[in-house]
Amino acid sequence: MARLSAKAYPWKGVNYWRLDGETVERYKARVKREEQEDDIAWEELIEKTVALPDGEILGALVTYPVADGFAAYVVIQEEPLTLQWIPFGDMYQADHRLIKGTDRRDVLTDISARKMLHKVFNKKEEA
């Protein structure tokens, strides 16, 4: 049975709403830069998860399907299992009942699936 951390994961994210008197060109350039930084940070989380030794869950990325996207969390403590919400993308959050019902086996299944997908979609790089 998992718990949810009261604090969100420190995620910079993309601020589409901040204008601060920017010109359209400066706004577009800033948003593009922030999106690239966001993508890099997301890929780093995936890489960290894929690199975890078998049976290890601390620091793992866990996602839950929500609406037309997903809610993202990271494991910050094993006992008791504690997840920290990542305000990524559309900033979806999973229903608290789903979080509460998550156990170590669910996290290991998510990690295993992520490792398999990573292996399939990164074969060119390994060859």
Protein backbone atom coordinates (compact mmCIF):
# COMPACT_ATOMS: atom_id res chain seq x y z
CA MET A 1 0.00 0.00 0.00
CA ALA A 2 1.61 3.23 -1.16
CA ARG A 3 1.59 6.70 0.30
CA LEU A 4 1.78 9.99 -1.52
CA SER A 5 4.38 12.56 -0.53
CA ALA A 6 2.95 15.94 0.44
CA LYS A 7 5.55 17.69 -1.71
CA ALA A 8 5.72 17.57 -5.49
CA TYR A 9 8.88 16.43 -7.27
CA PRO A 10 11.11 19.44 -8.06
CA TRP A 11 10.23 19.78 -11.74
CA LYS A 12 10.90 22.97 -13.65
CA GLY A 13 8.39 22.30 -16.41
CA VAL A 14 7.29 24.57 -19.24
CA ASN A 15 5.54 27.81 -18.38
CA TYR A 16 3.20 28.51 -21.28
CA TRP A 17 1.26 31.15 -19.33
CA ARG A 18 4.09 33.48 -18.31
CA LEU A 19 4.28 36.38 -20.70
CA ASP A 20 6.19 39.10 -18.80
CA GLY A 21 5.91 41.51 -21.69
CA GLU A 22 7.84 39.18 -24.00
CA THR A 23 7.66 39.65 -27.71
CA VAL A 24 6.13 36.76 -29.63
CA GLU A 25 9.58 35.76 -30.88
CA ARG A 26 11.10 35.75 -27.37
CA TYR A 27 8.10 33.84 -26.00
CA LYS A 28 8.41 31.16 -28.69
CA ALA A 29 12.18 30.86 -28.14
CA ARG A 30 11.77 30.56 -24.35
CA VAL A 31 9.01 27.97 -24.62
CA LYS A 32 11.05 25.95 -27.14
CA ARG A 33 14.07 26.02 -24.79
CA GLU A 34 11.93 25.02 -21.79
CA GLU A 35 10.33 22.18 -23.77
CA GLN A 36 13.78 20.87 -24.73
CA GLU A 37 14.94 21.05 -21.08
CA ASP A 38 11.73 19.27 -20.04
CA ASP A 39 12.32 16.50 -22.58
CA ILE A 40 15.90 16.03 -21.40
CA ALA A 41 14.84 15.84 -17.74
CA TRP A 42 12.12 13.32 -18.64
CA GLU A 43 14.57 11.14 -20.58
CA GLU A 44 16.96 11.26 -17.60
CA LEU A 45 14.19 9.90 -15.35
CA ILE A 46 13.52 7.10 -17.83
CA GLU A 47 17.24 6.28 -18.10
CA LYS A 48 17.57 6.22 -14.32
CA THR A 49 14.62 3.83 -14.07
CA VAL A 50 15.90 1.54 -16.83
CA ALA A 51 19.33 1.42 -15.18
CA LEU A 52 17.96 0.22 -11.83
CA PRO A 53 19.21 -3.24 -10.83
CA ASP A 54 16.56 -5.99 -10.79
CA GLY A 55 14.44 -5.74 -7.66
CA GLU A 56 15.43 -2.12 -6.94
CA ILE A 57 12.60 0.44 -6.93
CA LEU A 58 13.99 3.55 -5.21
CA GLY A 59 14.05 6.41 -7.72
CA ALA A 60 11.87 4.56 -10.22
CA LEU A 61 9.48 6.41 -12.50
CA VAL A 62 5.91 5.12 -12.19
CA THR A 63 3.07 6.23 -14.45
CA TYR A 64 -0.69 5.78 -14.38
CA PRO A 65 -2.99 6.32 -17.36
CA VAL A 66 -5.22 9.39 -16.92
CA ALA A 67 -7.58 10.92 -19.50
CA ASP A 68 -5.58 11.38 -22.72
CA GLY A 69 -2.20 11.10 -21.03
CA PHE A 70 -0.67 9.92 -17.79
CA ALA A 71 0.16 10.90 -14.25
CA ALA A 72 3.84 10.55 -13.32
CA TYR A 73 5.37 9.71 -9.96
CA VAL A 74 8.77 8.73 -8.61
CA VAL A 75 9.43 6.29 -5.77
CA ILE A 76 11.11 8.24 -2.97
CA GLN A 77 10.90 5.65 -0.19
CA GLU A 78 10.56 1.86 -0.16
CA GLU A 79 9.22 1.27 3.37
CA PRO A 80 6.54 2.43 3.55
CA LEU A 81 6.24 2.73 -0.23
CA THR A 82 6.02 6.47 -0.92
CA LEU A 83 5.47 8.12 -4.29
CA GLN A 84 6.12 11.73 -5.20
CA TRP A 85 4.04 13.41 -7.89
CA ILE A 86 5.90 14.86 -10.89
CA PRO A 87 4.14 17.94 -12.35
CA PHE A 88 5.04 16.89 -15.89
CA GLY A 89 3.25 17.68 -19.14
CA ASP A 90 -0.48 18.16 -18.53
CA MET A 91 0.18 17.75 -14.80
CA TYR A 92 -2.32 14.93 -14.41
CA GLN A 93 -2.61 13.25 -11.01
CA ALA A 94 -3.81 9.71 -10.42
CA ASP A 95 -6.79 9.10 -8.17
CA HIS A 96 -5.68 8.73 -4.54
CA ARG A 97 -7.32 5.29 -4.38
CA LEU A 98 -5.08 4.09 -7.20
CA ILE A 99 -1.99 5.40 -5.41
CA LYS A 100 -3.07 3.79 -2.15
CA GLY A 101 -3.56 0.43 -3.87
CA THR A 102 -0.10 0.44 -5.44
CA ASP A 103 2.39 -2.00 -3.97
CA ARG A 104 6.00 -3.00 -4.62
CA ARG A 105 4.92 -5.66 -7.14
CA ASP A 106 3.08 -3.00 -9.19
CA VAL A 107 6.17 -0.79 -9.24
CA LEU A 108 8.38 -3.71 -10.31
CA THR A 109 5.91 -4.52 -13.11
CA ASP A 110 6.01 -0.90 -14.30
CA ILE A 111 9.82 -0.91 -14.25
CA SER A 112 9.94 -4.20 -16.16
CA ALA A 113 7.60 -2.88 -18.85
CA ARG A 114 9.62 0.34 -19.15
CA LYS A 115 12.85 -1.69 -19.52
CA MET A 116 11.30 -3.82 -22.28
CA LEU A 117 10.02 -0.78 -24.17
CA HIS A 118 13.37 0.93 -23.80
CA LYS A 119 15.13 -2.13 -25.19
CA VAL A 120 12.78 -2.35 -28.19
CA PHE A 121 12.93 1.33 -29.09
CA ASN A 122 16.66 1.77 -28.54
CA LYS A 123 17.96 -1.23 -30.52
CA LYS A 124 19.53 1.01 -33.19
CA GLU A 125 21.68 2.75 -30.58
CA GLU A 126 22.89 -0.55 -29.12
CA ALA A 127 23.79 -2.12 -32.47
